[in-house]
Amino acid sequence: MSGALAVGCVGRANAHSKAHVDHKNALSAPYVKRGIMPPLPLIMLDPGHGGKDPGAIGVSGTYEKHISEAAAKTLHDELMATGRYRVVMTRADDRFIPLDGRVELAQKHQASLFVSMHADALHDPEVRGASVYTLSSGASDAQTEALARKENSADRFAGPAFHGVSPEIQQILSSLVSEETRRGSAHMAASVVESFQSRIGLLTHPSRHAAFVVLKAADIPSVLVEMGFMSNRMDEAALRQQGHRAQVASAMKVAIDRYFASRPSVMTG
């Protein structure tokens, strides 16, 4: 199957895309207008890559951008069904958004939580399993450092106007993040690992950190979730299945519920 058609449910999900991109309605719910209660926390879901940036290409030709979009849409619907959150996606179709643009969207909407969803590739095709990443000036291990370099290079698709992110800038990213934000990110990462343990296969030492540009919002707890690796035949085959992506989304919803339940101040604004 070609990469462009790697995930059948993406095309079917387009029928619901209006619900995902109607940001104005998402931010102007009646309870906000009436001033009866504080607005529900807003979760920004960020499907990795998109448009001219396919992301990782799986061993059978599956595009990461389609997998991340399909999984994020499923998670969007699960979270909205709870009635406890407002949910906005950085993209709900196949478009390219620079990394800084994704951060700016989260800041513009005053998100309470930013979740970037990916399914990357590694040089070693034997490595498989999910993992979760938070921002740090240094990488927790060589594999994570390589992943961060790969993700941070996504803006090469922006064309000649993009001048890259210097090593100096990457080194000071963590200093821009408040301690409260850092604690929130770490708490969310731990919640993802706990939720995935009984549902989704995990890497050894699944909670990791590195200088991911997309996680640099100073005041928004942020995590990057690798749902699996497209370079592994079994991970790719699983991620192509809607049922498996639904399991991932369900585990993510449990993690998000647990995160907000343990941080009631975030729920009340």
C-alpha atoms as a PDB file:
ATOM      1  CA  MET A   1       0.000   0.000   0.000  1.00  0.00           C
ATOM      2  CA  SER A   2       1.326   3.435  -0.864  1.00  0.00           C
ATOM      3  CA  GLY A   3       2.284   5.887   1.845  1.00  0.00           C
ATOM      4  CA  ALA A   4      -0.417   8.346   0.762  1.00  0.00           C
ATOM      5  CA  LEU A   5      -3.056   5.700   1.404  1.00  0.00           C
ATOM      6  CA  ALA A   6      -1.346   4.045   4.342  1.00  0.00           C
ATOM      7  CA  VAL A   7      -4.145   4.637   6.820  1.00  0.00           C
ATOM      8  CA  GLY A   8      -7.624   4.043   5.468  1.00  0.00           C
ATOM      9  CA  CYS A   9      -9.356   5.621   8.404  1.00  0.00           C
ATOM     10  CA  VAL A  10      -7.770   9.008   7.699  1.00  0.00           C
ATOM     11  CA  GLY A  11      -9.878   9.447   4.606  1.00  0.00           C
ATOM     12  CA  ARG A  12     -12.992   8.296   6.426  1.00  0.00           C
ATOM     13  CA  ALA A  13     -12.208  10.588   9.320  1.00  0.00           C
ATOM     14  CA  ASN A  14     -12.246  13.610   7.014  1.00  0.00           C
ATOM     15  CA  ALA A  15     -16.025  13.531   7.229  1.00  0.00           C
ATOM     16  CA  HIS A  16     -15.590  14.604  10.826  1.00  0.00           C
ATOM     17  CA  SER A  17     -12.769  17.075  10.211  1.00  0.00           C
ATOM     18  CA  LYS A  18     -14.995  20.103  10.750  1.00  0.00           C
ATOM     19  CA  ALA A  19     -15.396  19.086  14.380  1.00  0.00           C
ATOM     20  CA  HIS A  20     -11.641  19.040  14.745  1.00  0.00           C
ATOM     21  CA  VAL A  21     -10.832  22.345  13.079  1.00  0.00           C
ATOM     22  CA  ASP A  22     -13.685  24.453  14.429  1.00  0.00           C
ATOM     23  CA  HIS A  23     -11.380  26.174  16.909  1.00  0.00           C
ATOM     24  CA  LYS A  24     -13.653  29.177  17.352  1.00  0.00           C
ATOM     25  CA  ASN A  25     -16.529  27.040  18.576  1.00  0.00           C
ATOM     26  CA  ALA A  26     -14.178  25.015  20.762  1.00  0.00           C
ATOM     27  CA  LEU A  27     -13.131  28.187  22.525  1.00  0.00           C
ATOM     28  CA  SER A  28     -16.535  29.830  22.869  1.00  0.00           C
ATOM     29  CA  ALA A  29     -18.658  27.227  24.602  1.00  0.00           C
ATOM     30  CA  PRO A  30     -21.870  28.502  26.238  1.00  0.00           C
ATOM     31  CA  TYR A  31     -20.583  28.019  29.779  1.00  0.00           C
ATOM     32  CA  VAL A  32     -17.712  30.399  28.974  1.00  0.00           C
ATOM     33  CA  LYS A  33     -20.047  33.045  27.526  1.00  0.00           C
ATOM     34  CA  ARG A  34     -22.409  32.895  30.477  1.00  0.00           C
ATOM     35  CA  GLY A  35     -19.551  33.138  32.955  1.00  0.00           C
ATOM     36  CA  ILE A  36     -21.164  30.479  35.128  1.00  0.00           C
ATOM     37  CA  MET A  37     -17.940  28.548  35.665  1.00  0.00           C
ATOM     38  CA  PRO A  38     -14.308  28.675  34.591  1.00  0.00           C
ATOM     39  CA  PRO A  39     -13.647  27.273  31.116  1.00  0.00           C
ATOM     40  CA  LEU A  40     -12.754  23.625  30.894  1.00  0.00           C
ATOM     41  CA  PRO A  41      -9.030  22.905  30.454  1.00  0.00           C
ATOM     42  CA  LEU A  42      -7.922  22.976  26.840  1.00  0.00           C
ATOM     43  CA  ILE A  43      -5.792  20.138  25.505  1.00  0.00           C
ATOM     44  CA  MET A  44      -3.741  20.775  22.367  1.00  0.00           C
ATOM     45  CA  LEU A  45      -3.178  17.581  20.378  1.00  0.00           C
ATOM     46  CA  ASP A  46      -0.319  17.773  17.887  1.00  0.00           C
ATOM     47  CA  PRO A  47      -0.194  15.081  15.170  1.00  0.00           C
ATOM     48  CA  GLY A  48       3.443  15.029  14.090  1.00  0.00           C
ATOM     49  CA  HIS A  49       4.612  16.029  10.606  1.00  0.00           C
ATOM     50  CA  GLY A  50       2.112  16.561   7.748  1.00  0.00           C
ATOM     51  CA  GLY A  51       1.923  17.941   4.227  1.00  0.00           C
ATOM     52  CA  LYS A  52       5.278  17.864   2.467  1.00  0.00           C
ATOM     53  CA  ASP A  53       6.840  16.341   5.599  1.00  0.00           C
ATOM     54  CA  PRO A  54       5.839  12.643   5.694  1.00  0.00           C
ATOM     55  CA  GLY A  55       7.792  11.919   8.857  1.00  0.00           C
ATOM     56  CA  ALA A  56       9.109   8.375   9.123  1.00  0.00           C
ATOM     57  CA  ILE A  57       8.246   5.968   6.320  1.00  0.00           C
ATOM     58  CA  GLY A  58       7.547   2.463   7.539  1.00  0.00           C
ATOM     59  CA  VAL A  59       9.052  -0.760   6.277  1.00  0.00           C
ATOM     60  CA  SER A  60       5.983  -1.348   4.098  1.00  0.00           C
ATOM     61  CA  GLY A  61       5.613   2.300   3.033  1.00  0.00           C
ATOM     62  CA  THR A  62       3.290   3.667   5.717  1.00  0.00           C
ATOM     63  CA  TYR A  63       3.685   7.403   6.371  1.00  0.00           C
ATOM     64  CA  GLU A  64       4.071   8.538   9.961  1.00  0.00           C
ATOM     65  CA  LYS A  65       2.050  11.682   9.230  1.00  0.00           C
ATOM     66  CA  HIS A  66      -1.047   9.572   8.496  1.00  0.00           C
ATOM     67  CA  ILE A  67      -0.622   7.391  11.579  1.00  0.00           C
ATOM     68  CA  SER A  68      -0.182  10.378  13.906  1.00  0.00           C
ATOM     69  CA  GLU A  69      -3.182  12.192  12.438  1.00  0.00           C
ATOM     70  CA  ALA A  70      -5.473   9.157  12.653  1.00  0.00           C
ATOM     71  CA  ALA A  71      -4.484   8.402  16.250  1.00  0.00           C
ATOM     72  CA  ALA A  72      -4.846  12.040  17.314  1.00  0.00           C
ATOM     73  CA  LYS A  73      -8.331  12.241  15.801  1.00  0.00           C
ATOM     74  CA  THR A  74      -9.400   9.144  17.703  1.00  0.00           C
ATOM     75  CA  LEU A  75      -8.018  10.589  20.931  1.00  0.00           C
ATOM     76  CA  HIS A  76      -9.722  13.927  20.181  1.00  0.00           C
ATOM     77  CA  ASP A  77     -13.101  12.201  19.934  1.00  0.00           C
ATOM     78  CA  GLU A  78     -12.561  10.199  23.136  1.00  0.00           C
ATOM     79  CA  LEU A  79     -11.610  13.294  25.112  1.00  0.00           C
ATOM     80  CA  MET A  80     -14.488  15.386  23.744  1.00  0.00           C
ATOM     81  CA  ALA A  81     -16.948  12.613  24.634  1.00  0.00           C
ATOM     82  CA  THR A  82     -16.074  12.993  28.306  1.00  0.00           C
ATOM     83  CA  GLY A  83     -17.387  16.568  28.413  1.00  0.00           C
ATOM     84  CA  ARG A  84     -14.491  17.472  30.711  1.00  0.00           C
ATOM     85  CA  TYR A  85     -12.168  19.145  28.218  1.00  0.00           C
ATOM     86  CA  ARG A  86     -11.894  21.438  25.265  1.00  0.00           C
ATOM     87  CA  VAL A  87      -9.671  19.847  22.619  1.00  0.00           C
ATOM     88  CA  VAL A  88      -7.930  21.497  19.665  1.00  0.00           C
ATOM     89  CA  MET A  89      -5.618  19.902  17.111  1.00  0.00           C
ATOM     90  CA  THR A  90      -2.661  21.699  15.560  1.00  0.00           C
ATOM     91  CA  ARG A  91      -3.732  20.078  12.312  1.00  0.00           C
ATOM     92  CA  ALA A  92      -6.752  17.967  11.375  1.00  0.00           C
ATOM     93  CA  ASP A  93      -5.722  17.379   7.787  1.00  0.00           C
ATOM     94  CA  ASP A  94      -2.583  16.741   5.771  1.00  0.00           C
ATOM     95  CA  ARG A  95      -0.806  20.077   6.076  1.00  0.00           C
ATOM     96  CA  PHE A  96       2.680  21.205   7.047  1.00  0.00           C
ATOM     97  CA  ILE A  97       3.077  23.301  10.201  1.00  0.00           C
ATOM     98  CA  PRO A  98       6.544  24.458  11.370  1.00  0.00           C
ATOM     99  CA  LEU A  99       7.571  23.376  14.855  1.00  0.00           C
ATOM    100  CA  ASP A 100       7.425  26.906  16.267  1.00  0.00           C
ATOM    101  CA  GLY A 101       3.968  27.290  14.731  1.00  0.00           C
ATOM    102  CA  ARG A 102       2.739  24.322  16.740  1.00  0.00           C
ATOM    103  CA  VAL A 103       4.066  25.862  19.947  1.00  0.00           C
ATOM    104  CA  GLU A 104       2.483  29.203  19.051  1.00  0.00           C
ATOM    105  CA  LEU A 105      -0.910  27.544  18.534  1.00  0.00           C
ATOM    106  CA  ALA A 106      -0.756  26.032  22.003  1.00  0.00           C
ATOM    107  CA  GLN A 107       0.164  29.396  23.496  1.00  0.00           C
ATOM    108  CA  LYS A 108      -2.498  31.247  21.502  1.00  0.00           C
ATOM    109  CA  HIS A 109      -5.205  28.928  22.828  1.00  0.00           C
ATOM    110  CA  GLN A 110      -3.749  29.027  26.359  1.00  0.00           C
ATOM    111  CA  ALA A 111      -3.575  25.254  26.438  1.00  0.00           C
ATOM    112  CA  SER A 112      -3.412  23.459  29.774  1.00  0.00           C
ATOM    113  CA  LEU A 113      -1.590  20.502  28.198  1.00  0.00           C
ATOM    114  CA  PHE A 114       0.263  19.906  24.905  1.00  0.00           C
ATOM    115  CA  VAL A 115       0.539  16.340  23.547  1.00  0.00           C
ATOM    116  CA  SER A 116       2.568  15.705  20.381  1.00  0.00           C
ATOM    117  CA  MET A 117       1.916  12.302  18.787  1.00  0.00           C
ATOM    118  CA  HIS A 118       4.500  10.468  16.678  1.00  0.00           C
ATOM    119  CA  ALA A 119       5.581   7.080  15.324  1.00  0.00           C
ATOM    120  CA  ASP A 120       9.219   7.562  14.370  1.00  0.00           C
ATOM    121  CA  ALA A 121      11.904   5.297  12.884  1.00  0.00           C
ATOM    122  CA  LEU A 122      15.276   4.120  14.145  1.00  0.00           C
ATOM    123  CA  HIS A 123      18.317   2.592  12.470  1.00  0.00           C
ATOM    124  CA  ASP A 124      17.766  -0.616  14.442  1.00  0.00           C
ATOM    125  CA  PRO A 125      14.652  -2.385  13.057  1.00  0.00           C
ATOM    126  CA  GLU A 126      14.500  -4.666  16.099  1.00  0.00           C
ATOM    127  CA  VAL A 127      13.607  -1.832  18.507  1.00  0.00           C
ATOM    128  CA  ARG A 128       9.885  -1.586  19.166  1.00  0.00           C
ATOM    129  CA  GLY A 129       7.500  -0.203  21.765  1.00  0.00           C
ATOM    130  CA  ALA A 130       5.956   3.067  22.898  1.00  0.00           C
ATOM    131  CA  SER A 131       7.741   5.795  24.850  1.00  0.00           C
ATOM    132  CA  VAL A 132       7.182   9.339  26.103  1.00  0.00           C
ATOM    133  CA  TYR A 133       9.520  12.335  26.045  1.00  0.00           C
ATOM    134  CA  THR A 134       9.835  15.630  27.896  1.00  0.00           C
ATOM    135  CA  LEU A 135      12.032  18.670  27.302  1.00  0.00           C
ATOM    136  CA  SER A 136      15.583  18.856  28.596  1.00  0.00           C
ATOM    137  CA  SER A 137      18.752  20.594  27.455  1.00  0.00           C
ATOM    138  CA  GLY A 138      20.502  17.208  27.347  1.00  0.00           C
ATOM    139  CA  ALA A 139      19.291  13.844  26.119  1.00  0.00           C
ATOM    140  CA  SER A 140      18.682  10.925  28.469  1.00  0.00           C
ATOM    141  CA  ASP A 141      20.422   8.539  26.054  1.00  0.00           C
ATOM    142  CA  ALA A 142      21.947   8.345  22.565  1.00  0.00           C
ATOM    143  CA  GLN A 143      18.791   6.945  20.974  1.00  0.00           C
ATOM    144  CA  THR A 144      16.703   9.823  22.312  1.00  0.00           C
ATOM    145  CA  GLU A 145      19.302  12.355  21.191  1.00  0.00           C
ATOM    146  CA  ALA A 146      19.055  10.956  17.665  1.00  0.00           C
ATOM    147  CA  LEU A 147      15.252  11.128  17.781  1.00  0.00           C
ATOM    148  CA  ALA A 148      15.360  14.759  18.915  1.00  0.00           C
ATOM    149  CA  ARG A 149      17.749  15.681  16.097  1.00  0.00           C
ATOM    150  CA  LYS A 150      15.437  14.004  13.605  1.00  0.00           C
ATOM    151  CA  GLU A 151      12.286  15.676  14.948  1.00  0.00           C
ATOM    152  CA  ASN A 152      13.982  19.074  15.195  1.00  0.00           C
ATOM    153  CA  SER A 153      15.038  18.805  11.556  1.00  0.00           C
ATOM    154  CA  ALA A 154      11.400  18.609  10.421  1.00  0.00           C
ATOM    155  CA  ASP A 155      11.474  22.304   9.572  1.00  0.00           C
ATOM    156  CA  ARG A 156      13.844  21.565   6.680  1.00  0.00           C
ATOM    157  CA  PHE A 157      10.579  21.110   4.757  1.00  0.00           C
ATOM    158  CA  ALA A 158       9.759  24.783   5.343  1.00  0.00           C
ATOM    159  CA  GLY A 159      12.163  25.755   2.566  1.00  0.00           C
ATOM    160  CA  PRO A 160      14.932  28.351   2.351  1.00  0.00           C
ATOM    161  CA  ALA A 161      13.235  30.763   4.757  1.00  0.00           C
ATOM    162  CA  PHE A 162      14.004  28.402   7.626  1.00  0.00           C
ATOM    163  CA  HIS A 163      17.434  28.963   9.174  1.00  0.00           C
ATOM    164  CA  GLY A 164      17.423  26.055  11.618  1.00  0.00           C
ATOM    165  CA  VAL A 165      17.769  25.894  15.367  1.00  0.00           C
ATOM    166  CA  SER A 166      21.306  26.422  16.580  1.00  0.00           C
ATOM    167  CA  PRO A 167      22.866  24.090  19.141  1.00  0.00           C
ATOM    168  CA  GLU A 168      23.075  27.079  21.487  1.00  0.00           C
ATOM    169  CA  ILE A 169      19.325  27.618  21.276  1.00  0.00           C
ATOM    170  CA  GLN A 170      18.653  23.930  21.879  1.00  0.00           C
ATOM    171  CA  GLN A 171      20.883  24.011  24.951  1.00  0.00           C
ATOM    172  CA  ILE A 172      18.918  26.820  26.578  1.00  0.00           C
ATOM    173  CA  LEU A 173      15.432  25.535  25.755  1.00  0.00           C
ATOM    174  CA  SER A 174      15.050  23.941  29.157  1.00  0.00           C
ATOM    175  CA  SER A 175      15.918  27.215  30.899  1.00  0.00           C
ATOM    176  CA  LEU A 176      12.860  28.791  29.272  1.00  0.00           C
ATOM    177  CA  VAL A 177      10.544  26.316  30.947  1.00  0.00           C
ATOM    178  CA  SER A 178       9.311  27.149  34.429  1.00  0.00           C
ATOM    179  CA  GLU A 179       9.807  24.643  37.219  1.00  0.00           C
ATOM    180  CA  GLU A 180       6.047  24.261  37.540  1.00  0.00           C
ATOM    181  CA  THR A 181       5.790  23.459  33.829  1.00  0.00           C
ATOM    182  CA  ARG A 182       8.648  20.984  34.133  1.00  0.00           C
ATOM    183  CA  ARG A 183       6.929  19.219  37.021  1.00  0.00           C
ATOM    184  CA  GLY A 184       3.671  19.090  35.078  1.00  0.00           C
ATOM    185  CA  SER A 185       5.390  17.599  32.031  1.00  0.00           C
ATOM    186  CA  ALA A 186       7.131  14.967  34.155  1.00  0.00           C
ATOM    187  CA  HIS A 187       3.855  14.129  35.886  1.00  0.00           C
ATOM    188  CA  MET A 188       2.074  13.697  32.543  1.00  0.00           C
ATOM    189  CA  ALA A 189       4.913  11.519  31.226  1.00  0.00           C
ATOM    190  CA  ALA A 190       4.665   9.279  34.286  1.00  0.00           C
ATOM    191  CA  SER A 191       0.907   9.061  33.815  1.00  0.00           C
ATOM    192  CA  VAL A 192       1.358   7.952  30.181  1.00  0.00           C
ATOM    193  CA  VAL A 193       3.834   5.231  31.176  1.00  0.00           C
ATOM    194  CA  GLU A 194       1.536   3.967  33.930  1.00  0.00           C
ATOM    195  CA  SER A 195      -1.456   3.888  31.611  1.00  0.00           C
ATOM    196  CA  PHE A 196       0.431   2.188  28.766  1.00  0.00           C
ATOM    197  CA  GLN A 197       1.981  -0.523  30.943  1.00  0.00           C
ATOM    198  CA  SER A 198      -1.104  -2.737  30.974  1.00  0.00           C
ATOM    199  CA  ARG A 199      -2.266  -1.876  27.452  1.00  0.00           C
ATOM    200  CA  ILE A 200       0.583  -0.993  25.064  1.00  0.00           C
ATOM    201  CA  GLY A 201       4.073  -2.454  24.762  1.00  0.00           C
ATOM    202  CA  LEU A 202       6.751  -0.063  26.025  1.00  0.00           C
ATOM    203  CA  LEU A 203      10.435   0.509  25.417  1.00  0.00           C
ATOM    204  CA  THR A 204      12.865  -0.275  28.204  1.00  0.00           C
ATOM    205  CA  HIS A 205      13.070   2.914  30.301  1.00  0.00           C
ATOM    206  CA  PRO A 206      10.102   4.416  28.408  1.00  0.00           C
ATOM    207  CA  SER A 207      10.203   7.898  30.005  1.00  0.00           C
ATOM    208  CA  ARG A 208      13.002   9.885  28.361  1.00  0.00           C
ATOM    209  CA  HIS A 209      14.025  13.488  27.710  1.00  0.00           C
ATOM    210  CA  ALA A 210      15.866  15.634  25.157  1.00  0.00           C
ATOM    211  CA  ALA A 211      15.807  19.082  23.510  1.00  0.00           C
ATOM    212  CA  PHE A 212      12.669  18.650  21.400  1.00  0.00           C
ATOM    213  CA  VAL A 213      11.814  22.050  19.902  1.00  0.00           C
ATOM    214  CA  VAL A 214       8.094  21.259  19.765  1.00  0.00           C
ATOM    215  CA  LEU A 215       8.024  20.894  23.584  1.00  0.00           C
ATOM    216  CA  LYS A 216       9.488  24.315  24.386  1.00  0.00           C
ATOM    217  CA  ALA A 217       6.338  26.211  25.481  1.00  0.00           C
ATOM    218  CA  ALA A 218       7.455  27.924  28.696  1.00  0.00           C
ATOM    219  CA  ASP A 219       4.170  27.701  30.570  1.00  0.00           C
ATOM    220  CA  ILE A 220       2.430  24.614  29.129  1.00  0.00           C
ATOM    221  CA  PRO A 221       3.192  21.090  30.357  1.00  0.00           C
ATOM    222  CA  SER A 222       4.165  19.208  27.199  1.00  0.00           C
ATOM    223  CA  VAL A 223       4.982  15.630  26.209  1.00  0.00           C
ATOM    224  CA  LEU A 224       5.880  13.891  22.967  1.00  0.00           C
ATOM    225  CA  VAL A 225       4.458  10.379  22.697  1.00  0.00           C
ATOM    226  CA  GLU A 226       6.082   7.849  20.369  1.00  0.00           C
ATOM    227  CA  MET A 227       3.353   5.286  19.795  1.00  0.00           C
ATOM    228  CA  GLY A 228       5.855   2.830  18.298  1.00  0.00           C
ATOM    229  CA  PHE A 229       8.497   2.719  15.590  1.00  0.00           C
ATOM    230  CA  MET A 230       7.730   2.563  11.886  1.00  0.00           C
ATOM    231  CA  SER A 231      11.137   0.948  11.377  1.00  0.00           C
ATOM    232  CA  ASN A 232       9.898  -2.163  13.192  1.00  0.00           C
ATOM    233  CA  ARG A 233       7.668  -4.412  11.106  1.00  0.00           C
ATOM    234  CA  MET A 234       5.443  -5.434  14.053  1.00  0.00           C
ATOM    235  CA  ASP A 235       5.002  -1.879  15.347  1.00  0.00           C
ATOM    236  CA  GLU A 236       4.174  -0.599  11.875  1.00  0.00           C
ATOM    237  CA  ALA A 237       1.659  -3.396  11.275  1.00  0.00           C
ATOM    238  CA  ALA A 238      -0.032  -2.674  14.612  1.00  0.00           C
ATOM    239  CA  LEU A 239      -0.185   1.092  14.042  1.00  0.00           C
ATOM    240  CA  ARG A 240      -1.814   0.543  10.655  1.00  0.00           C
ATOM    241  CA  GLN A 241      -4.750  -1.084  12.457  1.00  0.00           C
ATOM    242  CA  GLN A 242      -7.547   1.150  13.684  1.00  0.00           C
ATOM    243  CA  GLY A 243      -8.141  -1.182  16.606  1.00  0.00           C
ATOM    244  CA  HIS A 244      -4.597  -0.780  17.881  1.00  0.00           C
ATOM    245  CA  ARG A 245      -4.694   3.001  17.450  1.00  0.00           C
ATOM    246  CA  ALA A 246      -7.949   3.003  19.418  1.00  0.00           C
ATOM    247  CA  GLN A 247      -6.131   1.152  22.223  1.00  0.00           C
ATOM    248  CA  VAL A 248      -3.411   3.791  22.178  1.00  0.00           C
ATOM    249  CA  ALA A 249      -6.016   6.564  22.279  1.00  0.00           C
ATOM    250  CA  SER A 250      -7.860   4.872  25.140  1.00  0.00           C
ATOM    251  CA  ALA A 251      -4.629   4.557  27.136  1.00  0.00           C
ATOM    252  CA  MET A 252      -3.823   8.202  26.415  1.00  0.00           C
ATOM    253  CA  LYS A 253      -7.278   9.266  27.600  1.00  0.00           C
ATOM    254  CA  VAL A 254      -6.770   7.377  30.872  1.00  0.00           C
ATOM    255  CA  ALA A 255      -3.378   9.071  31.293  1.00  0.00           C
ATOM    256  CA  ILE A 256      -4.871  12.524  30.654  1.00  0.00           C
ATOM    257  CA  ASP A 257      -7.772  11.876  33.030  1.00  0.00           C
ATOM    258  CA  ARG A 258      -5.313  10.781  35.714  1.00  0.00           C
ATOM    259  CA  TYR A 259      -3.109  13.815  35.100  1.00  0.00           C
ATOM    260  CA  PHE A 260      -5.919  16.324  35.550  1.00  0.00           C
ATOM    261  CA  ALA A 261      -7.507  14.433  38.459  1.00  0.00           C
ATOM    262  CA  SER A 262      -4.235  14.773  40.373  1.00  0.00           C
ATOM    263  CA  ARG A 263      -3.873  18.464  39.464  1.00  0.00           C
ATOM    264  CA  PRO A 264      -7.272  19.977  40.372  1.00  0.00           C
ATOM    265  CA  SER A 265      -5.927  23.530  40.125  1.00  0.00           C
ATOM    266  CA  VAL A 266      -5.441  22.974  36.401  1.00  0.00           C
ATOM    267  CA  MET A 267      -9.080  21.931  36.019  1.00  0.00           C
ATOM    268  CA  THR A 268     -10.339  25.131  37.636  1.00  0.00           C
ATOM    269  CA  GLY A 269      -7.970  27.522  35.847  1.00  0.00           C
END
